[in-house]
């Protein structure tokens, strides 16, 4: 599903990754992180896709909310597991969303 976001400006965190061969425990941790992030102040939603490259874009109301999420203890554990086990490479980019627009055929 496409995340519902407020009128800009807001922030996007783009997490791009290449999975390693060892995916043991990844699915369970990913589910746990989704449930946990939904409880974070300032979290607006996310979208995720995985093929050769995994891309997750999360949306936030402030840089402060992003910084706080990055330092949540359970998230720190997941980050370390990603480095140690689940990813052969990754990159995180933080952006300001200045404009958004779209189309939804179910509204017509």
PDB file of N, CA and C in Angstrom:
ATOM      1  N   UNK A   1       0.839  -1.193   0.000  1.00  0.00           N
ATOM      2  CA  UNK A   1       0.000   0.000   0.000  1.00  0.00           C
ATOM      3  C   UNK A   1       0.874   1.243   0.000  1.00  0.00           C
ATOM      4  N   UNK A   2       0.359   2.269  -0.584  1.00  0.00           N
ATOM      5  CA  UNK A   2       1.047   3.556  -0.590  1.00  0.00           C
ATOM      6  C   UNK A   2       0.691   4.284   0.704  1.00  0.00           C
ATOM      7  N   UNK A   3       1.695   4.772   1.390  1.00  0.00           N
ATOM      8  CA  UNK A   3       1.484   5.470   2.659  1.00  0.00           C
ATOM      9  C   UNK A   3       0.677   6.746   2.452  1.00  0.00           C
ATOM     10  N   UNK A   4      -0.180   7.034   3.399  1.00  0.00           N
ATOM     11  CA  UNK A   4      -0.919   8.295   3.415  1.00  0.00           C
ATOM     12  C   UNK A   4      -0.078   9.295   4.196  1.00  0.00           C
ATOM     13  N   UNK A   5       0.250  10.390   3.571  1.00  0.00           N
ATOM     14  CA  UNK A   5       1.117  11.391   4.196  1.00  0.00           C
ATOM     15  C   UNK A   5       0.417  12.741   4.239  1.00  0.00           C
ATOM     16  N   UNK A   6       0.866  13.613   5.138  1.00  0.00           N
ATOM     17  CA  UNK A   6       0.245  14.934   5.244  1.00  0.00           C
ATOM     18  C   UNK A   6       0.721  15.860   4.130  1.00  0.00           C
ATOM     19  N   UNK A   7       0.185  17.033   4.129  1.00  0.00           N
ATOM     20  CA  UNK A   7       0.639  18.065   3.199  1.00  0.00           C
ATOM     21  C   UNK A   7       2.115  18.372   3.503  1.00  0.00           C
ATOM     22  N   UNK A   8       2.963  18.454   2.471  1.00  0.00           N
ATOM     23  CA  UNK A   8       4.374  18.782   2.710  1.00  0.00           C
ATOM     24  C   UNK A   8       4.530  20.165   3.324  1.00  0.00           C
ATOM     25  N   UNK A   9       5.650  20.400   3.977  1.00  0.00           N
ATOM     26  CA  UNK A   9       6.836  19.549   4.005  1.00  0.00           C
ATOM     27  C   UNK A   9       6.781  18.501   5.119  1.00  0.00           C
ATOM     28  N   UNK A  10       7.445  17.393   4.858  1.00  0.00           N
ATOM     29  CA  UNK A  10       7.713  16.344   5.837  1.00  0.00           C
ATOM     30  C   UNK A  10       8.992  15.655   5.375  1.00  0.00           C
ATOM     31  N   UNK A  11       9.417  14.625   6.060  1.00  0.00           N
ATOM     32  CA  UNK A  11      10.705  14.004   5.771  1.00  0.00           C
ATOM     33  C   UNK A  11      10.532  12.565   5.302  1.00  0.00           C
ATOM     34  N   UNK A  12      11.457  12.129   4.452  1.00  0.00           N
ATOM     35  CA  UNK A  12      11.500  10.744   3.987  1.00  0.00           C
ATOM     36  C   UNK A  12      12.880  10.170   4.297  1.00  0.00           C
ATOM     37  N   UNK A  13      12.886   8.963   4.834  1.00  0.00           N
ATOM     38  CA  UNK A  13      14.125   8.213   5.033  1.00  0.00           C
ATOM     39  C   UNK A  13      14.088   7.066   4.030  1.00  0.00           C
ATOM     40  N   UNK A  14      15.049   7.053   3.121  1.00  0.00           N
ATOM     41  CA  UNK A  14      15.127   6.020   2.092  1.00  0.00           C
ATOM     42  C   UNK A  14      16.231   5.053   2.501  1.00  0.00           C
ATOM     43  N   UNK A  15      15.858   3.807   2.745  1.00  0.00           N
ATOM     44  CA  UNK A  15      16.810   2.765   3.136  1.00  0.00           C
ATOM     45  C   UNK A  15      16.888   1.751   2.003  1.00  0.00           C
ATOM     46  N   UNK A  16      18.016   1.726   1.306  1.00  0.00           N
ATOM     47  CA  UNK A  16      18.249   0.795   0.203  1.00  0.00           C
ATOM     48  C   UNK A  16      19.240  -0.255   0.672  1.00  0.00           C
ATOM     49  N   UNK A  17      18.968  -1.529   0.356  1.00  0.00           N
ATOM     50  CA  UNK A  17      19.845  -2.592   0.849  1.00  0.00           C
ATOM     51  C   UNK A  17      19.969  -3.732  -0.148  1.00  0.00           C
ATOM     52  N   UNK A  18      21.095  -4.434  -0.023  1.00  0.00           N
ATOM     53  CA  UNK A  18      21.325  -5.679  -0.746  1.00  0.00           C
ATOM     54  C   UNK A  18      21.467  -6.752   0.325  1.00  0.00           C
ATOM     55  N   UNK A  19      20.638  -7.773   0.233  1.00  0.00           N
ATOM     56  CA  UNK A  19      20.624  -8.827   1.247  1.00  0.00           C
ATOM     57  C   UNK A  19      21.844  -9.732   1.107  1.00  0.00           C
ATOM     58  N   UNK A  20      22.296 -10.224   2.238  1.00  0.00           N
ATOM     59  CA  UNK A  20      23.357 -11.236   2.240  1.00  0.00           C
ATOM     60  C   UNK A  20      22.713 -12.603   2.053  1.00  0.00           C
ATOM     61  N   UNK A  21      23.513 -13.632   2.068  1.00  0.00           N
ATOM     62  CA  UNK A  21      23.003 -15.002   1.937  1.00  0.00           C
ATOM     63  C   UNK A  21      22.265 -15.472   3.190  1.00  0.00           C
ATOM     64  N   UNK A  22      22.602 -14.900   4.344  1.00  0.00           N
ATOM     65  CA  UNK A  22      22.049 -15.360   5.628  1.00  0.00           C
ATOM     66  C   UNK A  22      20.839 -14.518   6.005  1.00  0.00           C
ATOM     67  N   UNK A  23      19.649 -15.079   5.826  1.00  0.00           N
ATOM     68  CA  UNK A  23      18.424 -14.335   6.148  1.00  0.00           C
ATOM     69  C   UNK A  23      17.729 -14.874   7.393  1.00  0.00           C
ATOM     70  N   UNK A  24      18.375 -15.777   8.109  1.00  0.00           N
ATOM     71  CA  UNK A  24      17.757 -16.376   9.290  1.00  0.00           C
ATOM     72  C   UNK A  24      17.384 -15.298  10.308  1.00  0.00           C
ATOM     73  N   UNK A  25      16.111 -15.265  10.683  1.00  0.00           N
ATOM     74  CA  UNK A  25      15.629 -14.314  11.673  1.00  0.00           C
ATOM     75  C   UNK A  25      15.240 -12.960  11.116  1.00  0.00           C
ATOM     76  N   UNK A  26      15.538 -12.718   9.848  1.00  0.00           N
ATOM     77  CA  UNK A  26      15.261 -11.398   9.262  1.00  0.00           C
ATOM     78  C   UNK A  26      13.769 -11.084   9.237  1.00  0.00           C
ATOM     79  N   UNK A  27      12.966 -12.020   8.773  1.00  0.00           N
ATOM     80  CA  UNK A  27      11.528 -11.777   8.658  1.00  0.00           C
ATOM     81  C   UNK A  27      10.883 -11.434   9.983  1.00  0.00           C
ATOM     82  N   UNK A  28      11.261 -12.157  11.020  1.00  0.00           N
ATOM     83  CA  UNK A  28      10.701 -11.896  12.346  1.00  0.00           C
ATOM     84  C   UNK A  28      11.120 -10.515  12.859  1.00  0.00           C
ATOM     85  N   UNK A  29      12.393 -10.173  12.640  1.00  0.00           N
ATOM     86  CA  UNK A  29      12.861  -8.858  13.084  1.00  0.00           C
ATOM     87  C   UNK A  29      12.185  -7.748  12.285  1.00  0.00           C
ATOM     88  N   UNK A  30      12.013  -7.943  11.002  1.00  0.00           N
ATOM     89  CA  UNK A  30      11.355  -6.936  10.170  1.00  0.00           C
ATOM     90  C   UNK A  30       9.923  -6.693  10.653  1.00  0.00           C
ATOM     91  N   UNK A  31       9.204  -7.765  10.964  1.00  0.00           N
ATOM     92  CA  UNK A  31       7.838  -7.622  11.485  1.00  0.00           C
ATOM     93  C   UNK A  31       7.838  -6.864  12.811  1.00  0.00           C
ATOM     94  N   UNK A  32       8.789  -7.190  13.664  1.00  0.00           N
ATOM     95  CA  UNK A  32       8.900  -6.517  14.966  1.00  0.00           C
ATOM     96  C   UNK A  32       9.185  -5.026  14.785  1.00  0.00           C
ATOM     97  N   UNK A  33      10.057  -4.683  13.829  1.00  0.00           N
ATOM     98  CA  UNK A  33      10.399  -3.276  13.592  1.00  0.00           C
ATOM     99  C   UNK A  33       9.198  -2.504  13.042  1.00  0.00           C
ATOM    100  N   UNK A  34       8.398  -3.153  12.190  1.00  0.00           N
ATOM    101  CA  UNK A  34       7.202  -2.484  11.657  1.00  0.00           C
ATOM    102  C   UNK A  34       6.241  -2.149  12.794  1.00  0.00           C
ATOM    103  N   UNK A  35       6.019  -3.100  13.683  1.00  0.00           N
ATOM    104  CA  UNK A  35       5.125  -2.839  14.820  1.00  0.00           C
ATOM    105  C   UNK A  35       5.693  -1.753  15.739  1.00  0.00           C
ATOM    106  N   UNK A  36       6.980  -1.777  15.956  1.00  0.00           N
ATOM    107  CA  UNK A  36       7.619  -0.805  16.835  1.00  0.00           C
ATOM    108  C   UNK A  36       7.624   0.595  16.237  1.00  0.00           C
ATOM    109  N   UNK A  37       7.929   0.703  14.950  1.00  0.00           N
ATOM    110  CA  UNK A  37       8.001   2.028  14.323  1.00  0.00           C
ATOM    111  C   UNK A  37       6.636   2.711  14.317  1.00  0.00           C
ATOM    112  N   UNK A  38       5.586   1.928  14.204  1.00  0.00           N
ATOM    113  CA  UNK A  38       4.229   2.495  14.207  1.00  0.00           C
ATOM    114  C   UNK A  38       3.897   3.189  15.524  1.00  0.00           C
ATOM    115  N   UNK A  39       4.621   2.856  16.592  1.00  0.00           N
ATOM    116  CA  UNK A  39       4.396   3.455  17.913  1.00  0.00           C
ATOM    117  C   UNK A  39       5.234   4.716  18.138  1.00  0.00           C
ATOM    118  N   UNK A  40       6.117   5.038  17.204  1.00  0.00           N
ATOM    119  CA  UNK A  40       7.056   6.145  17.413  1.00  0.00           C
ATOM    120  C   UNK A  40       6.400   7.493  17.126  1.00  0.00           C
ATOM    121  N   UNK A  41       6.583   8.452  18.024  1.00  0.00           N
ATOM    122  CA  UNK A  41       6.081   9.807  17.761  1.00  0.00           C
ATOM    123  C   UNK A  41       6.723  10.371  16.483  1.00  0.00           C
ATOM    124  N   UNK A  42       5.894  10.941  15.648  1.00  0.00           N
ATOM    125  CA  UNK A  42       6.382  11.560  14.419  1.00  0.00           C
ATOM    126  C   UNK A  42       6.395  10.652  13.205  1.00  0.00           C
ATOM    127  N   UNK A  43       6.155   9.347  13.403  1.00  0.00           N
ATOM    128  CA  UNK A  43       6.110   8.402  12.285  1.00  0.00           C
ATOM    129  C   UNK A  43       4.825   8.617  11.497  1.00  0.00           C
ATOM    130  N   UNK A  44       4.936   8.696  10.162  1.00  0.00           N
ATOM    131  CA  UNK A  44       3.776   8.953   9.310  1.00  0.00           C
ATOM    132  C   UNK A  44       3.368   7.758   8.462  1.00  0.00           C
ATOM    133  N   UNK A  45       4.270   6.822   8.225  1.00  0.00           N
ATOM    134  CA  UNK A  45       3.969   5.658   7.395  1.00  0.00           C
ATOM    135  C   UNK A  45       5.224   5.211   6.656  1.00  0.00           C
ATOM    136  N   UNK A  46       5.071   4.115   5.887  1.00  0.00           N
ATOM    137  CA  UNK A  46       6.205   3.636   5.098  1.00  0.00           C
ATOM    138  C   UNK A  46       5.727   2.806   3.914  1.00  0.00           C
ATOM    139  N   UNK A  47       6.651   2.608   2.974  1.00  0.00           N
ATOM    140  CA  UNK A  47       6.442   1.750   1.820  1.00  0.00           C
ATOM    141  C   UNK A  47       7.709   0.915   1.656  1.00  0.00           C
ATOM    142  N   UNK A  48       7.537  -0.324   1.216  1.00  0.00           N
ATOM    143  CA  UNK A  48       8.695  -1.205   1.119  1.00  0.00           C
ATOM    144  C   UNK A  48       8.544  -2.151  -0.055  1.00  0.00           C
ATOM    145  N   UNK A  49       9.671  -2.444  -0.713  1.00  0.00           N
ATOM    146  CA  UNK A  49       9.708  -3.409  -1.813  1.00  0.00           C
ATOM    147  C   UNK A  49      11.064  -4.104  -1.793  1.00  0.00           C
ATOM    148  N   UNK A  50      11.068  -5.368  -2.185  1.00  0.00           N
ATOM    149  CA  UNK A  50      12.330  -6.104  -2.229  1.00  0.00           C
ATOM    150  C   UNK A  50      12.374  -6.927  -3.492  1.00  0.00           C
ATOM    151  N   UNK A  51      13.495  -6.816  -4.169  1.00  0.00           N
ATOM    152  CA  UNK A  51      13.833  -7.665  -5.293  1.00  0.00           C
ATOM    153  C   UNK A  51      15.334  -7.835  -5.208  1.00  0.00           C
ATOM    154  N   UNK A  52      16.089  -7.495  -6.237  1.00  0.00           N
ATOM    155  CA  UNK A  52      17.550  -7.553  -6.135  1.00  0.00           C
ATOM    156  C   UNK A  52      18.039  -6.536  -5.109  1.00  0.00           C
ATOM    157  N   UNK A  53      17.334  -5.414  -5.045  1.00  0.00           N
ATOM    158  CA  UNK A  53      17.626  -4.378  -4.051  1.00  0.00           C
ATOM    159  C   UNK A  53      16.359  -4.168  -3.234  1.00  0.00           C
ATOM    160  N   UNK A  54      16.496  -4.110  -1.921  1.00  0.00           N
ATOM    161  CA  UNK A  54      15.368  -3.789  -1.057  1.00  0.00           C
ATOM    162  C   UNK A  54      15.328  -2.290  -0.836  1.00  0.00           C
ATOM    163  N   UNK A  55      14.147  -1.715  -0.899  1.00  0.00           N
ATOM    164  CA  UNK A  55      13.990  -0.284  -0.652  1.00  0.00           C
ATOM    165  C   UNK A  55      12.814  -0.086   0.293  1.00  0.00           C
ATOM    166  N   UNK A  56      13.073   0.591   1.387  1.00  0.00           N
ATOM    167  CA  UNK A  56      12.019   0.989   2.315  1.00  0.00           C
ATOM    168  C   UNK A  56      12.108   2.495   2.471  1.00  0.00           C
ATOM    169  N   UNK A  57      10.979   3.157   2.283  1.00  0.00           N
ATOM    170  CA  UNK A  57      10.896   4.598   2.484  1.00  0.00           C
ATOM    171  C   UNK A  57       9.955   4.829   3.651  1.00  0.00           C
ATOM    172  N   UNK A  58      10.468   5.460   4.693  1.00  0.00           N
ATOM    173  CA  UNK A  58       9.606   5.809   5.826  1.00  0.00           C
ATOM    174  C   UNK A  58       9.439   7.323   5.857  1.00  0.00           C
ATOM    175  N   UNK A  59       8.297   7.758   6.360  1.00  0.00           N
ATOM    176  CA  UNK A  59       7.945   9.178   6.366  1.00  0.00           C
ATOM    177  C   UNK A  59       7.804   9.664   7.799  1.00  0.00           C
ATOM    178  N   UNK A  60       8.293  10.869   8.040  1.00  0.00           N
ATOM    179  CA  UNK A  60       8.385  11.412   9.393  1.00  0.00           C
ATOM    180  C   UNK A  60       8.016  12.889   9.396  1.00  0.00           C
ATOM    181  N   UNK A  61       7.540  13.352  10.550  1.00  0.00           N
ATOM    182  CA  UNK A  61       7.163  14.766  10.645  1.00  0.00           C
ATOM    183  C   UNK A  61       8.328  15.682  11.008  1.00  0.00           C
ATOM    184  N   UNK A  62       9.473  15.109  11.439  1.00  0.00           N
ATOM    185  CA  UNK A  62      10.610  15.964  11.827  1.00  0.00           C
ATOM    186  C   UNK A  62      11.915  15.180  11.819  1.00  0.00           C
ATOM    187  N   UNK A  63      13.000  15.908  11.725  1.00  0.00           N
ATOM    188  CA  UNK A  63      14.340  15.303  11.845  1.00  0.00           C
ATOM    189  C   UNK A  63      14.514  14.741  13.245  1.00  0.00           C
ATOM    190  N   UNK A  64      13.992  15.416  14.239  1.00  0.00           N
ATOM    191  CA  UNK A  64      14.106  14.942  15.616  1.00  0.00           C
ATOM    192  C   UNK A  64      13.458  13.559  15.779  1.00  0.00           C
ATOM    193  N   UNK A  65      12.296  13.360  15.175  1.00  0.00           N
ATOM    194  CA  UNK A  65      11.618  12.056  15.250  1.00  0.00           C
ATOM    195  C   UNK A  65      12.473  10.974  14.593  1.00  0.00           C
ATOM    196  N   UNK A  66      13.122  11.295  13.487  1.00  0.00           N
ATOM    197  CA  UNK A  66      14.006  10.341  12.803  1.00  0.00           C
ATOM    198  C   UNK A  66      15.175   9.978  13.707  1.00  0.00           C
ATOM    199  N   UNK A  67      15.795  10.972  14.327  1.00  0.00           N
ATOM    200  CA  UNK A  67      16.927  10.724  15.226  1.00  0.00           C
ATOM    201  C   UNK A  67      16.510   9.853  16.405  1.00  0.00           C
ATOM    202  N   UNK A  68      15.342  10.114  16.956  1.00  0.00           N
ATOM    203  CA  UNK A  68      14.869   9.308  18.086  1.00  0.00           C
ATOM    204  C   UNK A  68      14.623   7.867  17.674  1.00  0.00           C
ATOM    205  N   UNK A  69      14.035   7.648  16.503  1.00  0.00           N
ATOM    206  CA  UNK A  69      13.814   6.287  16.021  1.00  0.00           C
ATOM    207  C   UNK A  69      15.145   5.563  15.834  1.00  0.00           C
ATOM    208  N   UNK A  70      16.125   6.238  15.281  1.00  0.00           N
ATOM    209  CA  UNK A  70      17.432   5.614  15.059  1.00  0.00           C
ATOM    210  C   UNK A  70      18.055   5.139  16.365  1.00  0.00           C
ATOM    211  N   UNK A  71      17.715   5.783  17.489  1.00  0.00           N
ATOM    212  CA  UNK A  71      18.340   5.433  18.763  1.00  0.00           C
ATOM    213  C   UNK A  71      17.481   4.541  19.669  1.00  0.00           C
ATOM    214  N   UNK A  72      16.317   4.085  19.212  1.00  0.00           N
ATOM    215  CA  UNK A  72      15.491   3.158  20.002  1.00  0.00           C
ATOM    216  C   UNK A  72      16.271   1.854  20.179  1.00  0.00           C
ATOM    217  N   UNK A  73      16.350   1.360  21.408  1.00  0.00           N
ATOM    218  CA  UNK A  73      17.228   0.219  21.712  1.00  0.00           C
ATOM    219  C   UNK A  73      16.962  -1.003  20.841  1.00  0.00           C
ATOM    220  N   UNK A  74      15.711  -1.374  20.634  1.00  0.00           N
ATOM    221  CA  UNK A  74      15.405  -2.537  19.803  1.00  0.00           C
ATOM    222  C   UNK A  74      15.818  -2.297  18.356  1.00  0.00           C
ATOM    223  N   UNK A  75      15.685  -1.051  17.901  1.00  0.00           N
ATOM    224  CA  UNK A  75      16.095  -0.696  16.546  1.00  0.00           C
ATOM    225  C   UNK A  75      17.616  -0.744  16.420  1.00  0.00           C
ATOM    226  N   UNK A  76      18.322  -0.352  17.466  1.00  0.00           N
ATOM    227  CA  UNK A  76      19.788  -0.438  17.460  1.00  0.00           C
ATOM    228  C   UNK A  76      20.239  -1.890  17.306  1.00  0.00           C
ATOM    229  N   UNK A  77      19.542  -2.804  17.966  1.00  0.00           N
ATOM    230  CA  UNK A  77      19.864  -4.233  17.833  1.00  0.00           C
ATOM    231  C   UNK A  77      19.638  -4.689  16.393  1.00  0.00           C
ATOM    232  N   UNK A  78      18.512  -4.292  15.808  1.00  0.00           N
ATOM    233  CA  UNK A  78      18.211  -4.670  14.422  1.00  0.00           C
ATOM    234  C   UNK A  78      19.256  -4.091  13.469  1.00  0.00           C
ATOM    235  N   UNK A  79      19.676  -2.843  13.709  1.00  0.00           N
ATOM    236  CA  UNK A  79      20.701  -2.228  12.864  1.00  0.00           C
ATOM    237  C   UNK A  79      21.999  -3.035  12.920  1.00  0.00           C
ATOM    238  N   UNK A  80      22.397  -3.443  14.111  1.00  0.00           N
ATOM    239  CA  UNK A  80      23.636  -4.206  14.253  1.00  0.00           C
ATOM    240  C   UNK A  80      23.524  -5.581  13.599  1.00  0.00           C
ATOM    241  N   UNK A  81      22.357  -6.221  13.750  1.00  0.00           N
ATOM    242  CA  UNK A  81      22.136  -7.520  13.101  1.00  0.00           C
ATOM    243  C   UNK A  81      22.207  -7.374  11.578  1.00  0.00           C
ATOM    244  N   UNK A  82      21.678  -6.269  11.068  1.00  0.00           N
ATOM    245  CA  UNK A  82      21.752  -6.007   9.633  1.00  0.00           C
ATOM    246  C   UNK A  82      23.196  -5.930   9.166  1.00  0.00           C
ATOM    247  N   UNK A  83      24.022  -5.198   9.903  1.00  0.00           N
ATOM    248  CA  UNK A  83      25.442  -5.074   9.548  1.00  0.00           C
ATOM    249  C   UNK A  83      26.169  -6.410   9.675  1.00  0.00           C
ATOM    250  N   UNK A  84      25.885  -7.132  10.739  1.00  0.00           N
ATOM    251  CA  UNK A  84      26.608  -8.369  11.029  1.00  0.00           C
ATOM    252  C   UNK A  84      26.147  -9.559  10.191  1.00  0.00           C
ATOM    253  N   UNK A  85      24.861  -9.552   9.768  1.00  0.00           N
ATOM    254  CA  UNK A  85      24.297 -10.781   9.238  1.00  0.00           C
ATOM    255  C   UNK A  85      23.465 -10.618   7.962  1.00  0.00           C
ATOM    256  N   UNK A  86      22.536  -9.676   7.913  1.00  0.00           N
ATOM    257  CA  UNK A  86      21.505  -9.683   6.886  1.00  0.00           C
ATOM    258  C   UNK A  86      21.808  -8.906   5.621  1.00  0.00           C
ATOM    259  N   UNK A  87      22.699  -7.924   5.674  1.00  0.00           N
ATOM    260  CA  UNK A  87      22.967  -7.090   4.504  1.00  0.00           C
ATOM    261  C   UNK A  87      24.415  -7.206   4.054  1.00  0.00           C
ATOM    262  N   UNK A  88      24.603  -7.284   2.723  1.00  0.00           N
ATOM    263  CA  UNK A  88      25.962  -7.182   2.197  1.00  0.00           C
ATOM    264  C   UNK A  88      26.305  -5.713   1.974  1.00  0.00           C
ATOM    265  N   UNK A  89      25.279  -4.875   1.789  1.00  0.00           N
ATOM    266  CA  UNK A  89      25.481  -3.421   1.719  1.00  0.00           C
ATOM    267  C   UNK A  89      24.151  -2.719   1.931  1.00  0.00           C
ATOM    268  N   UNK A  90      24.234  -1.469   2.370  1.00  0.00           N
ATOM    269  CA  UNK A  90      23.033  -0.638   2.494  1.00  0.00           C
ATOM    270  C   UNK A  90      23.427   0.831   2.461  1.00  0.00           C
ATOM    271  N   UNK A  91      22.433   1.662   2.227  1.00  0.00           N
ATOM    272  CA  UNK A  91      22.619   3.116   2.218  1.00  0.00           C
ATOM    273  C   UNK A  91      21.328   3.732   2.739  1.00  0.00           C
ATOM    274  N   UNK A  92      21.479   4.752   3.573  1.00  0.00           N
ATOM    275  CA  UNK A  92      20.334   5.494   4.097  1.00  0.00           C
ATOM    276  C   UNK A  92      20.431   6.936   3.616  1.00  0.00           C
ATOM    277  N   UNK A  93      19.325   7.449   3.130  1.00  0.00           N
ATOM    278  CA  UNK A  93      19.261   8.832   2.662  1.00  0.00           C
ATOM    279  C   UNK A  93      18.077   9.501   3.355  1.00  0.00           C
ATOM    280  N   UNK A  94      18.266  10.731   3.791  1.00  0.00           N
ATOM    281  CA  UNK A  94      17.203  11.479   4.458  1.00  0.00           C
ATOM    282  C   UNK A  94      16.906  12.716   3.613  1.00  0.00           C
ATOM    283  N   UNK A  95      15.635  12.906   3.302  1.00  0.00           N
ATOM    284  CA  UNK A  95      15.215  13.967   2.379  1.00  0.00           C
ATOM    285  C   UNK A  95      14.049  14.763   2.962  1.00  0.00           C
ATOM    286  N   UNK A  96      13.929  15.985   2.497  1.00  0.00           N
ATOM    287  CA  UNK A  96      12.744  16.781   2.776  1.00  0.00           C
ATOM    288  C   UNK A  96      11.805  16.619   1.591  1.00  0.00           C
ATOM    289  N   UNK A  97      10.571  16.233   1.861  1.00  0.00           N
ATOM    290  CA  UNK A  97       9.559  16.158   0.809  1.00  0.00           C
ATOM    291  C   UNK A  97       8.927  17.538   0.711  1.00  0.00           C
ATOM    292  N   UNK A  98       9.126  18.159  -0.422  1.00  0.00           N
ATOM    293  CA  UNK A  98       8.610  19.517  -0.632  1.00  0.00           C
ATOM    294  C   UNK A  98       7.295  19.525  -1.391  1.00  0.00           C
ATOM    295  N   UNK A  99       7.048  18.462  -2.143  1.00  0.00           N
ATOM    296  CA  UNK A  99       5.839  18.392  -2.948  1.00  0.00           C
ATOM    297  C   UNK A  99       5.477  16.935  -3.152  1.00  0.00           C
ATOM    298  N   UNK A 100       4.199  16.615  -3.116  1.00  0.00           N
ATOM    299  CA  UNK A 100       3.749  15.279  -3.504  1.00  0.00           C
ATOM    300  C   UNK A 100       2.409  15.385  -4.221  1.00  0.00           C
ATOM    301  N   UNK A 101       2.146  14.424  -5.051  1.00  0.00           N
ATOM    302  CA  UNK A 101       0.877  14.353  -5.769  1.00  0.00           C
ATOM    303  C   UNK A 101       0.706  12.920  -6.227  1.00  0.00           C
ATOM    304  N   UNK A 102      -0.487  12.538  -6.629  1.00  0.00           N
ATOM    305  CA  UNK A 102      -0.695  11.163  -7.024  1.00  0.00           C
ATOM    306  C   UNK A 102      -2.034  10.934  -7.696  1.00  0.00           C
ATOM    307  N   UNK A 103      -2.349   9.669  -7.865  1.00  0.00           N
ATOM    308  CA  UNK A 103      -3.559   9.214  -8.526  1.00  0.00           C
ATOM    309  C   UNK A 103      -4.010   7.929  -7.860  1.00  0.00           C
ATOM    310  N   UNK A 104      -5.284   7.771  -7.673  1.00  0.00           N
ATOM    311  CA  UNK A 104      -5.840   6.546  -7.101  1.00  0.00           C
ATOM    312  C   UNK A 104      -7.125   6.224  -7.865  1.00  0.00           C
ATOM    313  N   UNK A 105      -7.075   5.181  -8.697  1.00  0.00           N
ATOM    314  CA  UNK A 105      -8.229   4.838  -9.526  1.00  0.00           C
ATOM    315  C   UNK A 105      -9.445   4.422  -8.716  1.00  0.00           C
ATOM    316  N   UNK A 106      -9.236   3.990  -7.458  1.00  0.00           N
ATOM    317  CA  UNK A 106     -10.377   3.567  -6.648  1.00  0.00           C
ATOM    318  C   UNK A 106     -11.241   4.748  -6.218  1.00  0.00           C
ATOM    319  N   UNK A 107     -10.739   5.953  -6.407  1.00  0.00           N
ATOM    320  CA  UNK A 107     -11.507   7.141  -6.047  1.00  0.00           C
ATOM    321  C   UNK A 107     -12.416   7.615  -7.170  1.00  0.00           C
ATOM    322  N   UNK A 108     -12.323   6.939  -8.329  1.00  0.00           N
ATOM    323  CA  UNK A 108     -13.135   7.356  -9.485  1.00  0.00           C
ATOM    324  C   UNK A 108     -14.150   6.324  -9.837  1.00  0.00           C
TER     325      UNK A 108
END
